[in-house]
Amino acid sequence: MRISPDRQRSRIRERLETIHARSEKSTSWRGTVRFLLQLVNRDGHVPVKTRLTREDLLFLAEAREDVAALSEMALRVLCLHRPRQGGGLSSDPDTPLRRCHTCMVSWPCATYRALSEPLGG
């Protein structure tokens, strides 16, 4: 049985919203990691004693799969939305007109900007 495009879009949106909500509720380890890296023993392990919330555990349980899925999706979208020569005349020969390969709007397109801005690109 085939899933309707609307239902499929709804499922994707639900998964992304769940990932986002779970990450917002969990504790950031960014500052702690610097300290923990100093505790790596000869076996390459760090003995960690910490308190984890329910939200932290739920986030950590799915983090690897979520990051893999999100990065795969972003890579596919990035592959589709890339610059190409736009044709036409340009007043500056060193910077020719470019358009998005997929949506054909001026480069960078809105999709590319939506991907690049959260990543600092």
PDB file of N, CA and C in Angstrom:
ATOM      1  N   MET A   1       0.830  -1.180   0.000  1.00  0.00           N
ATOM      2  CA  MET A   1       0.000   0.000   0.000  1.00  0.00           C
ATOM      3  C   MET A   1       0.875   1.245   0.000  1.00  0.00           C
ATOM      4  N   ARG A   2       0.567   2.154  -0.866  1.00  0.00           N
ATOM      5  CA  ARG A   2       1.329   3.391  -0.988  1.00  0.00           C
ATOM      6  C   ARG A   2       0.806   4.452  -0.033  1.00  0.00           C
ATOM      7  N   ILE A   3       1.728   5.204   0.533  1.00  0.00           N
ATOM      8  CA  ILE A   3       1.364   6.299   1.431  1.00  0.00           C
ATOM      9  C   ILE A   3       1.159   7.553   0.591  1.00  0.00           C
ATOM     10  N   SER A   4       0.111   8.288   0.893  1.00  0.00           N
ATOM     11  CA  SER A   4      -0.151   9.519   0.139  1.00  0.00           C
ATOM     12  C   SER A   4       0.960  10.527   0.401  1.00  0.00           C
ATOM     13  N   PRO A   5       1.248  11.395  -0.571  1.00  0.00           N
ATOM     14  CA  PRO A   5       2.292  12.407  -0.385  1.00  0.00           C
ATOM     15  C   PRO A   5       2.039  13.295   0.841  1.00  0.00           C
ATOM     16  N   ASP A   6       0.774  13.623   1.104  1.00  0.00           N
ATOM     17  CA  ASP A   6       0.458  14.448   2.272  1.00  0.00           C
ATOM     18  C   ASP A   6       0.774  13.716   3.567  1.00  0.00           C
ATOM     19  N   ARG A   7       0.437  12.431   3.619  1.00  0.00           N
ATOM     20  CA  ARG A   7       0.718  11.632   4.826  1.00  0.00           C
ATOM     21  C   ARG A   7       2.223  11.452   5.007  1.00  0.00           C
ATOM     22  N   GLN A   8       2.928  11.228   3.906  1.00  0.00           N
ATOM     23  CA  GLN A   8       4.372  11.069   3.971  1.00  0.00           C
ATOM     24  C   GLN A   8       5.025  12.360   4.467  1.00  0.00           C
ATOM     25  N   ARG A   9       4.578  13.489   3.933  1.00  0.00           N
ATOM     26  CA  ARG A   9       5.104  14.784   4.368  1.00  0.00           C
ATOM     27  C   ARG A   9       4.806  15.008   5.843  1.00  0.00           C
ATOM     28  N   SER A  10       3.613  14.613   6.266  1.00  0.00           N
ATOM     29  CA  SER A  10       3.220  14.756   7.662  1.00  0.00           C
ATOM     30  C   SER A  10       4.113  13.910   8.576  1.00  0.00           C
ATOM     31  N   ARG A  11       4.417  12.685   8.155  1.00  0.00           N
ATOM     32  CA  ARG A  11       5.299  11.810   8.943  1.00  0.00           C
ATOM     33  C   ARG A  11       6.711  12.396   9.052  1.00  0.00           C
ATOM     34  N   ILE A  12       7.219  12.909   7.958  1.00  0.00           N
ATOM     35  CA  ILE A  12       8.556  13.511   7.970  1.00  0.00           C
ATOM     36  C   ILE A  12       8.566  14.712   8.905  1.00  0.00           C
ATOM     37  N   ARG A  13       7.554  15.553   8.776  1.00  0.00           N
ATOM     38  CA  ARG A  13       7.464  16.739   9.639  1.00  0.00           C
ATOM     39  C   ARG A  13       7.379  16.338  11.110  1.00  0.00           C
ATOM     40  N   GLU A  14       6.570  15.324  11.425  1.00  0.00           N
ATOM     41  CA  GLU A  14       6.450  14.843  12.806  1.00  0.00           C
ATOM     42  C   GLU A  14       7.796  14.359  13.339  1.00  0.00           C
ATOM     43  N   ARG A  15       8.520  13.615  12.523  1.00  0.00           N
ATOM     44  CA  ARG A  15       9.820  13.102  12.982  1.00  0.00           C
ATOM     45  C   ARG A  15      10.787  14.244  13.226  1.00  0.00           C
ATOM     46  N   LEU A  16      10.831  15.208  12.320  1.00  0.00           N
ATOM     47  CA  LEU A  16      11.724  16.353  12.498  1.00  0.00           C
ATOM     48  C   LEU A  16      11.339  17.174  13.726  1.00  0.00           C
ATOM     49  N   GLU A  17      10.049  17.375  13.937  1.00  0.00           N
ATOM     50  CA  GLU A  17       9.599  18.119  15.118  1.00  0.00           C
ATOM     51  C   GLU A  17       9.927  17.367  16.398  1.00  0.00           C
ATOM     52  N   THR A  18       9.812  16.044  16.380  1.00  0.00           N
ATOM     53  CA  THR A  18      10.155  15.234  17.545  1.00  0.00           C
ATOM     54  C   THR A  18      11.641  15.335  17.848  1.00  0.00           C
ATOM     55  N   ILE A  19      12.469  15.230  16.813  1.00  0.00           N
ATOM     56  CA  ILE A  19      13.919  15.354  17.000  1.00  0.00           C
ATOM     57  C   ILE A  19      14.256  16.731  17.568  1.00  0.00           C
ATOM     58  N   HIS A  20      13.657  17.756  17.003  1.00  0.00           N
ATOM     59  CA  HIS A  20      13.925  19.121  17.465  1.00  0.00           C
ATOM     60  C   HIS A  20      13.492  19.301  18.922  1.00  0.00           C
ATOM     61  N   ALA A  21      12.298  18.853  19.249  1.00  0.00           N
ATOM     62  CA  ALA A  21      11.803  18.992  20.626  1.00  0.00           C
ATOM     63  C   ALA A  21      12.681  18.217  21.602  1.00  0.00           C
ATOM     64  N   ARG A  22      13.065  17.004  21.231  1.00  0.00           N
ATOM     65  CA  ARG A  22      13.907  16.182  22.108  1.00  0.00           C
ATOM     66  C   ARG A  22      15.257  16.850  22.330  1.00  0.00           C
ATOM     67  N   SER A  23      15.815  17.428  21.279  1.00  0.00           N
ATOM     68  CA  SER A  23      17.112  18.080  21.437  1.00  0.00           C
ATOM     69  C   SER A  23      17.011  19.354  22.269  1.00  0.00           C
ATOM     70  N   GLU A  24      15.896  20.079  22.134  1.00  0.00           N
ATOM     71  CA  GLU A  24      15.699  21.298  22.928  1.00  0.00           C
ATOM     72  C   GLU A  24      15.554  20.984  24.414  1.00  0.00           C
ATOM     73  N   LYS A  25      14.958  19.839  24.753  1.00  0.00           N
ATOM     74  CA  LYS A  25      14.727  19.470  26.144  1.00  0.00           C
ATOM     75  C   LYS A  25      15.959  18.862  26.812  1.00  0.00           C
ATOM     76  N   SER A  26      16.862  18.311  26.029  1.00  0.00           N
ATOM     77  CA  SER A  26      18.023  17.639  26.612  1.00  0.00           C
ATOM     78  C   SER A  26      19.094  18.656  27.002  1.00  0.00           C
ATOM     79  N   THR A  27      20.018  18.197  27.813  1.00  0.00           N
ATOM     80  CA  THR A  27      21.093  19.038  28.313  1.00  0.00           C
ATOM     81  C   THR A  27      22.249  19.060  27.319  1.00  0.00           C
ATOM     82  N   SER A  28      22.798  20.223  27.093  1.00  0.00           N
ATOM     83  CA  SER A  28      23.964  20.329  26.214  1.00  0.00           C
ATOM     84  C   SER A  28      25.204  19.800  26.932  1.00  0.00           C
ATOM     85  N   TRP A  29      25.985  19.034  26.208  1.00  0.00           N
ATOM     86  CA  TRP A  29      27.227  18.495  26.762  1.00  0.00           C
ATOM     87  C   TRP A  29      28.447  19.258  26.252  1.00  0.00           C
ATOM     88  N   ARG A  30      28.236  20.328  25.504  1.00  0.00           N
ATOM     89  CA  ARG A  30      29.342  21.056  24.878  1.00  0.00           C
ATOM     90  C   ARG A  30      30.416  21.470  25.894  1.00  0.00           C
ATOM     91  N   GLY A  31      30.041  22.077  26.980  1.00  0.00           N
ATOM     92  CA  GLY A  31      31.023  22.505  27.987  1.00  0.00           C
ATOM     93  C   GLY A  31      31.617  21.340  28.742  1.00  0.00           C
ATOM     94  N   THR A  32      30.805  20.320  29.013  1.00  0.00           N
ATOM     95  CA  THR A  32      31.253  19.164  29.772  1.00  0.00           C
ATOM     96  C   THR A  32      32.263  18.327  28.991  1.00  0.00           C
ATOM     97  N   VAL A  33      32.116  18.277  27.682  1.00  0.00           N
ATOM     98  CA  VAL A  33      32.991  17.437  26.864  1.00  0.00           C
ATOM     99  C   VAL A  33      34.457  17.875  26.985  1.00  0.00           C
ATOM    100  N   ARG A  34      34.692  19.174  27.034  1.00  0.00           N
ATOM    101  CA  ARG A  34      36.081  19.651  27.179  1.00  0.00           C
ATOM    102  C   ARG A  34      36.723  19.076  28.434  1.00  0.00           C
ATOM    103  N   PHE A  35      35.983  19.076  29.513  1.00  0.00           N
ATOM    104  CA  PHE A  35      36.484  18.523  30.766  1.00  0.00           C
ATOM    105  C   PHE A  35      36.639  17.008  30.673  1.00  0.00           C
ATOM    106  N   LEU A  36      35.640  16.335  30.096  1.00  0.00           N
ATOM    107  CA  LEU A  36      35.666  14.871  30.003  1.00  0.00           C
ATOM    108  C   LEU A  36      36.811  14.367  29.131  1.00  0.00           C
ATOM    109  N   LEU A  37      37.166  15.122  28.094  1.00  0.00           N
ATOM    110  CA  LEU A  37      38.278  14.702  27.236  1.00  0.00           C
ATOM    111  C   LEU A  37      39.585  14.592  28.017  1.00  0.00           C
ATOM    112  N   GLN A  38      39.707  15.371  29.051  1.00  0.00           N
ATOM    113  CA  GLN A  38      40.917  15.321  29.885  1.00  0.00           C
ATOM    114  C   GLN A  38      40.947  14.076  30.773  1.00  0.00           C
ATOM    115  N   LEU A  39      39.827  13.402  30.922  1.00  0.00           N
ATOM    116  CA  LEU A  39      39.712  12.232  31.792  1.00  0.00           C
ATOM    117  C   LEU A  39      39.838  10.899  31.052  1.00  0.00           C
ATOM    118  N   VAL A  40      40.102  10.937  29.748  1.00  0.00           N
ATOM    119  CA  VAL A  40      40.225   9.695  28.981  1.00  0.00           C
ATOM    120  C   VAL A  40      41.393   8.882  29.536  1.00  0.00           C
ATOM    121  N   ASN A  41      41.131   7.612  29.900  1.00  0.00           N
ATOM    122  CA  ASN A  41      42.189   6.767  30.472  1.00  0.00           C
ATOM    123  C   ASN A  41      42.962   6.024  29.374  1.00  0.00           C
ATOM    124  N   ARG A  42      43.889   5.162  29.780  1.00  0.00           N
ATOM    125  CA  ARG A  42      44.727   4.434  28.808  1.00  0.00           C
ATOM    126  C   ARG A  42      43.910   3.558  27.864  1.00  0.00           C
ATOM    127  N   ASP A  43      42.773   3.096  28.332  1.00  0.00           N
ATOM    128  CA  ASP A  43      41.914   2.239  27.508  1.00  0.00           C
ATOM    129  C   ASP A  43      41.015   3.049  26.579  1.00  0.00           C
ATOM    130  N   GLY A  44      41.098   4.371  26.669  1.00  0.00           N
ATOM    131  CA  GLY A  44      40.277   5.227  25.822  1.00  0.00           C
ATOM    132  C   GLY A  44      38.877   5.456  26.354  1.00  0.00           C
ATOM    133  N   HIS A  45      38.674   5.198  27.630  1.00  0.00           N
ATOM    134  CA  HIS A  45      37.366   5.366  28.252  1.00  0.00           C
ATOM    135  C   HIS A  45      37.396   6.492  29.284  1.00  0.00           C
ATOM    136  N   VAL A  46      36.219   7.000  29.567  1.00  0.00           N
ATOM    137  CA  VAL A  46      36.065   8.024  30.593  1.00  0.00           C
ATOM    138  C   VAL A  46      35.039   7.517  31.600  1.00  0.00           C
ATOM    139  N   PRO A  47      35.455   7.381  32.857  1.00  0.00           N
ATOM    140  CA  PRO A  47      34.469   6.999  33.867  1.00  0.00           C
ATOM    141  C   PRO A  47      33.585   8.218  34.153  1.00  0.00           C
ATOM    142  N   VAL A  48      32.301   8.082  33.858  1.00  0.00           N
ATOM    143  CA  VAL A  48      31.392   9.214  34.005  1.00  0.00           C
ATOM    144  C   VAL A  48      30.344   8.891  35.065  1.00  0.00           C
ATOM    145  N   LYS A  49      30.239   9.782  36.009  1.00  0.00           N
ATOM    146  CA  LYS A  49      29.180   9.694  37.010  1.00  0.00           C
ATOM    147  C   LYS A  49      28.427  11.008  36.930  1.00  0.00           C
ATOM    148  N   THR A  50      27.220  10.937  36.416  1.00  0.00           N
ATOM    149  CA  THR A  50      26.434  12.150  36.249  1.00  0.00           C
ATOM    150  C   THR A  50      24.959  11.822  36.390  1.00  0.00           C
ATOM    151  N   ARG A  51      24.184  12.842  36.581  1.00  0.00           N
ATOM    152  CA  ARG A  51      22.737  12.687  36.642  1.00  0.00           C
ATOM    153  C   ARG A  51      22.163  13.028  35.279  1.00  0.00           C
ATOM    154  N   LEU A  52      21.417  12.106  34.726  1.00  0.00           N
ATOM    155  CA  LEU A  52      20.779  12.332  33.442  1.00  0.00           C
ATOM    156  C   LEU A  52      19.269  12.395  33.645  1.00  0.00           C
ATOM    157  N   THR A  53      18.659  13.358  32.989  1.00  0.00           N
ATOM    158  CA  THR A  53      17.204  13.466  33.053  1.00  0.00           C
ATOM    159  C   THR A  53      16.587  12.468  32.076  1.00  0.00           C
ATOM    160  N   ARG A  54      15.298  12.288  32.194  1.00  0.00           N
ATOM    161  CA  ARG A  54      14.578  11.431  31.253  1.00  0.00           C
ATOM    162  C   ARG A  54      14.759  11.950  29.829  1.00  0.00           C
ATOM    163  N   GLU A  55      14.695  13.269  29.658  1.00  0.00           N
ATOM    164  CA  GLU A  55      14.851  13.882  28.336  1.00  0.00           C
ATOM    165  C   GLU A  55      16.255  13.624  27.776  1.00  0.00           C
ATOM    166  N   ASP A  56      17.270  13.682  28.652  1.00  0.00           N
ATOM    167  CA  ASP A  56      18.633  13.381  28.204  1.00  0.00           C
ATOM    168  C   ASP A  56      18.726  11.957  27.677  1.00  0.00           C
ATOM    169  N   LEU A  57      18.176  11.014  28.412  1.00  0.00           N
ATOM    170  CA  LEU A  57      18.243   9.612  27.999  1.00  0.00           C
ATOM    171  C   LEU A  57      17.481   9.364  26.703  1.00  0.00           C
ATOM    172  N   LEU A  58      16.312   9.972  26.558  1.00  0.00           N
ATOM    173  CA  LEU A  58      15.547   9.809  25.320  1.00  0.00           C
ATOM    174  C   LEU A  58      16.308  10.390  24.133  1.00  0.00           C
ATOM    175  N   PHE A  59      16.935  11.523  24.343  1.00  0.00           N
ATOM    176  CA  PHE A  59      17.727  12.144  23.277  1.00  0.00           C
ATOM    177  C   PHE A  59      18.918  11.259  22.911  1.00  0.00           C
ATOM    178  N   LEU A  60      19.659  10.805  23.913  1.00  0.00           N
ATOM    179  CA  LEU A  60      20.843   9.978  23.659  1.00  0.00           C
ATOM    180  C   LEU A  60      20.479   8.644  23.006  1.00  0.00           C
ATOM    181  N   ALA A  61      19.334   8.096  23.367  1.00  0.00           N
ATOM    182  CA  ALA A  61      18.921   6.805  22.808  1.00  0.00           C
ATOM    183  C   ALA A  61      18.729   6.866  21.298  1.00  0.00           C
ATOM    184  N   GLU A  62      18.276   7.998  20.797  1.00  0.00           N
ATOM    185  CA  GLU A  62      17.970   8.128  19.371  1.00  0.00           C
ATOM    186  C   GLU A  62      18.963   9.007  18.605  1.00  0.00           C
ATOM    187  N   ALA A  63      19.898   9.612  19.298  1.00  0.00           N
ATOM    188  CA  ALA A  63      20.763  10.628  18.685  1.00  0.00           C
ATOM    189  C   ALA A  63      21.521  10.119  17.464  1.00  0.00           C
ATOM    190  N   ARG A  64      22.112   8.952  17.543  1.00  0.00           N
ATOM    191  CA  ARG A  64      22.913   8.457  16.426  1.00  0.00           C
ATOM    192  C   ARG A  64      22.065   8.283  15.166  1.00  0.00           C
ATOM    193  N   GLU A  65      20.916   7.645  15.310  1.00  0.00           N
ATOM    194  CA  GLU A  65      20.035   7.425  14.163  1.00  0.00           C
ATOM    195  C   GLU A  65      19.460   8.743  13.642  1.00  0.00           C
ATOM    196  N   ASP A  66      19.103   9.638  14.562  1.00  0.00           N
ATOM    197  CA  ASP A  66      18.552  10.931  14.149  1.00  0.00           C
ATOM    198  C   ASP A  66      19.568  11.748  13.365  1.00  0.00           C
ATOM    199  N   VAL A  67      20.785  11.804  13.855  1.00  0.00           N
ATOM    200  CA  VAL A  67      21.822  12.573  13.161  1.00  0.00           C
ATOM    201  C   VAL A  67      22.107  11.958  11.798  1.00  0.00           C
ATOM    202  N   ALA A  68      22.173  10.645  11.723  1.00  0.00           N
ATOM    203  CA  ALA A  68      22.414   9.979  10.440  1.00  0.00           C
ATOM    204  C   ALA A  68      21.292  10.285   9.448  1.00  0.00           C
ATOM    205  N   ALA A  69      20.044  10.212   9.907  1.00  0.00           N
ATOM    206  CA  ALA A  69      18.899  10.475   9.020  1.00  0.00           C
ATOM    207  C   ALA A  69      18.877  11.936   8.573  1.00  0.00           C
ATOM    208  N   LEU A  70      19.094  12.841   9.508  1.00  0.00           N
ATOM    209  CA  LEU A  70      19.089  14.266   9.165  1.00  0.00           C
ATOM    210  C   LEU A  70      20.223  14.631   8.212  1.00  0.00           C
ATOM    211  N   SER A  71      21.405  14.087   8.452  1.00  0.00           N
ATOM    212  CA  SER A  71      22.520  14.410   7.563  1.00  0.00           C
ATOM    213  C   SER A  71      22.312  13.810   6.174  1.00  0.00           C
ATOM    214  N   GLU A  72      21.750  12.612   6.086  1.00  0.00           N
ATOM    215  CA  GLU A  72      21.446  12.007   4.787  1.00  0.00           C
ATOM    216  C   GLU A  72      20.432  12.855   4.028  1.00  0.00           C
ATOM    217  N   MET A  73      19.392  13.295   4.730  1.00  0.00           N
ATOM    218  CA  MET A  73      18.380  14.129   4.104  1.00  0.00           C
ATOM    219  C   MET A  73      18.992  15.447   3.619  1.00  0.00           C
ATOM    220  N   ALA A  74      19.780  16.076   4.466  1.00  0.00           N
ATOM    221  CA  ALA A  74      20.400  17.347   4.087  1.00  0.00           C
ATOM    222  C   ALA A  74      21.349  17.177   2.906  1.00  0.00           C
ATOM    223  N   LEU A  75      22.098  16.092   2.874  1.00  0.00           N
ATOM    224  CA  LEU A  75      23.004  15.837   1.752  1.00  0.00           C
ATOM    225  C   LEU A  75      22.240  15.651   0.442  1.00  0.00           C
ATOM    226  N   ARG A  76      21.115  14.963   0.508  1.00  0.00           N
ATOM    227  CA  ARG A  76      20.300  14.767  -0.697  1.00  0.00           C
ATOM    228  C   ARG A  76      19.723  16.089  -1.198  1.00  0.00           C
ATOM    229  N   VAL A  77      19.228  16.905  -0.293  1.00  0.00           N
ATOM    230  CA  VAL A  77      18.686  18.211  -0.682  1.00  0.00           C
ATOM    231  C   VAL A  77      19.805  19.096  -1.226  1.00  0.00           C
ATOM    232  N   LEU A  78      20.963  19.055  -0.576  1.00  0.00           N
ATOM    233  CA  LEU A  78      22.108  19.838  -1.030  1.00  0.00           C
ATOM    234  C   LEU A  78      22.552  19.408  -2.428  1.00  0.00           C
ATOM    235  N   CYS A  79      22.486  18.122  -2.703  1.00  0.00           N
ATOM    236  CA  CYS A  79      22.839  17.609  -4.029  1.00  0.00           C
ATOM    237  C   CYS A  79      21.879  18.138  -5.090  1.00  0.00           C
ATOM    238  N   LEU A  80      20.615  18.252  -4.731  1.00  0.00           N
ATOM    239  CA  LEU A  80      19.626  18.761  -5.683  1.00  0.00           C
ATOM    240  C   LEU A  80      19.762  20.267  -5.901  1.00  0.00           C
ATOM    241  N   HIS A  81      20.001  20.995  -4.838  1.00  0.00           N
ATOM    242  CA  HIS A  81      20.047  22.459  -4.908  1.00  0.00           C
ATOM    243  C   HIS A  81      21.503  22.911  -4.908  1.00  0.00           C
ATOM    244  N   ARG A  82      22.035  23.029  -6.112  1.00  0.00           N
ATOM    245  CA  ARG A  82      23.431  23.437  -6.313  1.00  0.00           C
ATOM    246  C   ARG A  82      23.460  24.452  -7.448  1.00  0.00           C
ATOM    247  N   PRO A  83      24.505  25.252  -7.503  1.00  0.00           N
ATOM    248  CA  PRO A  83      24.551  26.277  -8.543  1.00  0.00           C
ATOM    249  C   PRO A  83      24.875  25.698  -9.912  1.00  0.00           C
ATOM    250  N   ARG A  84      24.391  26.378 -10.918  1.00  0.00           N
ATOM    251  CA  ARG A  84      24.748  26.066 -12.304  1.00  0.00           C
ATOM    252  C   ARG A  84      24.769  27.372 -13.070  1.00  0.00           C
ATOM    253  N   GLN A  85      25.443  27.356 -14.196  1.00  0.00           N
ATOM    254  CA  GLN A  85      25.480  28.552 -15.024  1.00  0.00           C
ATOM    255  C   GLN A  85      24.060  28.921 -15.415  1.00  0.00           C
ATOM    256  N   GLY A  86      23.733  30.190 -15.254  1.00  0.00           N
ATOM    257  CA  GLY A  86      22.378  30.629 -15.513  1.00  0.00           C
ATOM    258  C   GLY A  86      22.130  31.029 -16.946  1.00  0.00           C
ATOM    259  N   GLY A  87      23.199  31.135 -17.713  1.00  0.00           N
ATOM    260  CA  GLY A  87      23.032  31.606 -19.079  1.00  0.00           C
ATOM    261  C   GLY A  87      22.777  33.100 -19.084  1.00  0.00           C
ATOM    262  N   GLY A  88      22.660  33.661 -20.209  1.00  0.00           N
ATOM    263  CA  GLY A  88      22.390  35.089 -20.306  1.00  0.00           C
ATOM    264  C   GLY A  88      23.664  35.904 -20.184  1.00  0.00           C
ATOM    265  N   LEU A  89      23.507  37.187 -20.270  1.00  0.00           N
ATOM    266  CA  LEU A  89      24.638  38.106 -20.216  1.00  0.00           C
ATOM    267  C   LEU A  89      24.800  38.661 -18.807  1.00  0.00           C
ATOM    268  N   SER A  90      26.040  38.872 -18.434  1.00  0.00           N
ATOM    269  CA  SER A  90      26.348  39.448 -17.136  1.00  0.00           C
ATOM    270  C   SER A  90      27.213  40.672 -17.356  1.00  0.00           C
ATOM    271  N   SER A  91      27.009  41.691 -16.550  1.00  0.00           N
ATOM    272  CA  SER A  91      27.822  42.900 -16.678  1.00  0.00           C
ATOM    273  C   SER A  91      29.233  42.674 -16.149  1.00  0.00           C
ATOM    274  N   ASP A  92      29.424  41.631 -15.366  1.00  0.00           N
ATOM    275  CA  ASP A  92      30.739  41.310 -14.809  1.00  0.00           C
ATOM    276  C   ASP A  92      31.138  39.906 -15.261  1.00  0.00           C
ATOM    277  N   PRO A  93      32.067  39.805 -16.220  1.00  0.00           N
ATOM    278  CA  PRO A  93      32.441  38.479 -16.740  1.00  0.00           C
ATOM    279  C   PRO A  93      33.081  37.570 -15.690  1.00  0.00           C
ATOM    280  N   ASP A  94      33.616  38.141 -14.597  1.00  0.00           N
ATOM    281  CA  ASP A  94      34.235  37.319 -13.548  1.00  0.00           C
ATOM    282  C   ASP A  94      33.195  36.667 -12.633  1.00  0.00           C
ATOM    283  N   THR A  95      31.992  37.178 -12.638  1.00  0.00           N
ATOM    284  CA  THR A  95      30.915  36.594 -11.826  1.00  0.00           C
ATOM    285  C   THR A  95      29.694  36.376 -12.711  1.00  0.00           C
ATOM    286  N   PRO A  96      29.667  35.269 -13.438  1.00  0.00           N
ATOM    287  CA  PRO A  96      28.534  34.991 -14.331  1.00  0.00           C
ATOM    288  C   PRO A  96      27.252  34.728 -13.534  1.00  0.00           C
ATOM    289  N   LEU A  97      26.129  34.903 -14.201  1.00  0.00           N
ATOM    290  CA  LEU A  97      24.844  34.619 -13.577  1.00  0.00           C
ATOM    291  C   LEU A  97      24.756  33.136 -13.254  1.00  0.00           C
ATOM    292  N   ARG A  98      24.248  32.838 -12.060  1.00  0.00           N
ATOM    293  CA  ARG A  98      24.082  31.442 -11.665  1.00  0.00           C
ATOM    294  C   ARG A  98      22.668  31.240 -11.155  1.00  0.00           C
ATOM    295  N   ARG A  99      22.158  30.041 -11.395  1.00  0.00           N
ATOM    296  CA  ARG A  99      20.825  29.666 -10.946  1.00  0.00           C
ATOM    297  C   ARG A  99      20.917  28.316 -10.240  1.00  0.00           C
ATOM    298  N   CYS A 100      19.901  28.022  -9.446  1.00  0.00           N
ATOM    299  CA  CYS A 100      19.834  26.732  -8.770  1.00  0.00           C
ATOM    300  C   CYS A 100      19.536  25.656  -9.804  1.00  0.00           C
ATOM    301  N   HIS A 101      20.235  24.554  -9.719  1.00  0.00           N
ATOM    302  CA  HIS A 101      20.068  23.434 -10.643  1.00  0.00           C
ATOM    303  C   HIS A 101      18.640  22.882 -10.640  1.00  0.00           C
ATOM    304  N   THR A 102      17.979  22.890  -9.494  1.00  0.00           N
ATOM    305  CA  THR A 102      16.657  22.289  -9.369  1.00  0.00           C
ATOM    306  C   THR A 102      15.523  23.289  -9.526  1.00  0.00           C
ATOM    307  N   CYS A 103      15.568  24.374  -8.764  1.00  0.00           N
ATOM    308  CA  CYS A 103      14.418  25.284  -8.789  1.00  0.00           C
ATOM    309  C   CYS A 103      14.600  26.450  -9.759  1.00  0.00           C
ATOM    310  N   MET A 104      15.792  26.598 -10.318  1.00  0.00           N
ATOM    311  CA  MET A 104      16.102  27.574 -11.372  1.00  0.00           C
ATOM    312  C   MET A 104      15.939  29.048 -10.965  1.00  0.00           C
ATOM    313  N   VAL A 105      15.907  29.331  -9.668  1.00  0.00           N
ATOM    314  CA  VAL A 105      15.901  30.725  -9.227  1.00  0.00           C
ATOM    315  C   VAL A 105      17.346  31.177  -9.051  1.00  0.00           C
ATOM    316  N   SER A 106      17.544  32.464  -8.900  1.00  0.00           N
ATOM    317  CA  SER A 106      18.905  32.986  -8.722  1.00  0.00           C
ATOM    318  C   SER A 106      19.592  32.306  -7.549  1.00  0.00           C
ATOM    319  N   TRP A 107      20.874  32.044  -7.756  1.00  0.00           N
ATOM    320  CA  TRP A 107      21.677  31.386  -6.716  1.00  0.00           C
ATOM    321  C   TRP A 107      22.197  32.414  -5.740  1.00  0.00           C
ATOM    322  N   PRO A 108      22.194  32.129  -4.437  1.00  0.00           N
ATOM    323  CA  PRO A 108      21.731  30.920  -3.779  1.00  0.00           C
ATOM    324  C   PRO A 108      20.215  30.933  -3.610  1.00  0.00           C
ATOM    325  N   CYS A 109      19.596  29.782  -3.825  1.00  0.00           N
ATOM    326  CA  CYS A 109      18.138  29.673  -3.716  1.00  0.00           C
ATOM    327  C   CYS A 109      17.730  29.598  -2.242  1.00  0.00           C
ATOM    328  N   ALA A 110      16.451  29.745  -1.997  1.00  0.00           N
ATOM    329  CA  ALA A 110      15.940  29.732  -0.624  1.00  0.00           C
ATOM    330  C   ALA A 110      16.203  28.395   0.072  1.00  0.00           C
ATOM    331  N   THR A 111      16.133  27.310  -0.669  1.00  0.00           N
ATOM    332  CA  THR A 111      16.379  25.991  -0.078  1.00  0.00           C
ATOM    333  C   THR A 111      17.822  25.878   0.389  1.00  0.00           C
ATOM    334  N   TYR A 112      18.755  26.301  -0.435  1.00  0.00           N
ATOM    335  CA  TYR A 112      20.162  26.259  -0.053  1.00  0.00           C
ATOM    336  C   TYR A 112      20.411  27.151   1.169  1.00  0.00           C
ATOM    337  N   ARG A 113      19.826  28.329   1.187  1.00  0.00           N
ATOM    338  CA  ARG A 113      19.985  29.228   2.334  1.00  0.00           C
ATOM    339  C   ARG A 113      19.407  28.623   3.591  1.00  0.00           C
ATOM    340  N   ALA A 114      18.259  27.940   3.463  1.00  0.00           N
ATOM    341  CA  ALA A 114      17.639  27.286   4.625  1.00  0.00           C
ATOM    342  C   ALA A 114      18.542  26.193   5.193  1.00  0.00           C
ATOM    343  N   LEU A 115      19.295  25.516   4.344  1.00  0.00           N
ATOM    344  CA  LEU A 115      20.244  24.501   4.806  1.00  0.00           C
ATOM    345  C   LEU A 115      21.511  25.127   5.380  1.00  0.00           C
ATOM    346  N   SER A 116      22.007  26.145   4.730  1.00  0.00           N
ATOM    347  CA  SER A 116      23.318  26.686   5.104  1.00  0.00           C
ATOM    348  C   SER A 116      23.288  27.594   6.331  1.00  0.00           C
ATOM    349  N   GLU A 117      22.239  28.361   6.517  1.00  0.00           N
ATOM    350  CA  GLU A 117      22.210  29.339   7.616  1.00  0.00           C
ATOM    351  C   GLU A 117      22.301  28.705   9.006  1.00  0.00           C
ATOM    352  N   PRO A 118      21.548  27.650   9.310  1.00  0.00           N
ATOM    353  CA  PRO A 118      21.693  27.053  10.655  1.00  0.00           C
ATOM    354  C   PRO A 118      23.080  26.453  10.904  1.00  0.00           C
ATOM    355  N   LEU A 119      23.778  26.110   9.842  1.00  0.00           N
ATOM    356  CA  LEU A 119      25.103  25.520   9.962  1.00  0.00           C
ATOM    357  C   LEU A 119      26.224  26.548   9.881  1.00  0.00           C
ATOM    358  N   GLY A 120      25.846  27.812   9.784  1.00  0.00           N
ATOM    359  CA  GLY A 120      26.840  28.879   9.736  1.00  0.00           C
ATOM    360  C   GLY A 120      27.525  28.999   8.400  1.00  0.00           C
ATOM    361  N   GLY A 121      26.865  28.568   7.335  1.00  0.00           N
ATOM    362  CA  GLY A 121      27.452  28.574   5.994  1.00  0.00           C
ATOM    363  C   GLY A 121      27.091  29.727   5.244  1.00  0.00           C
TER     364      GLY A 121
END
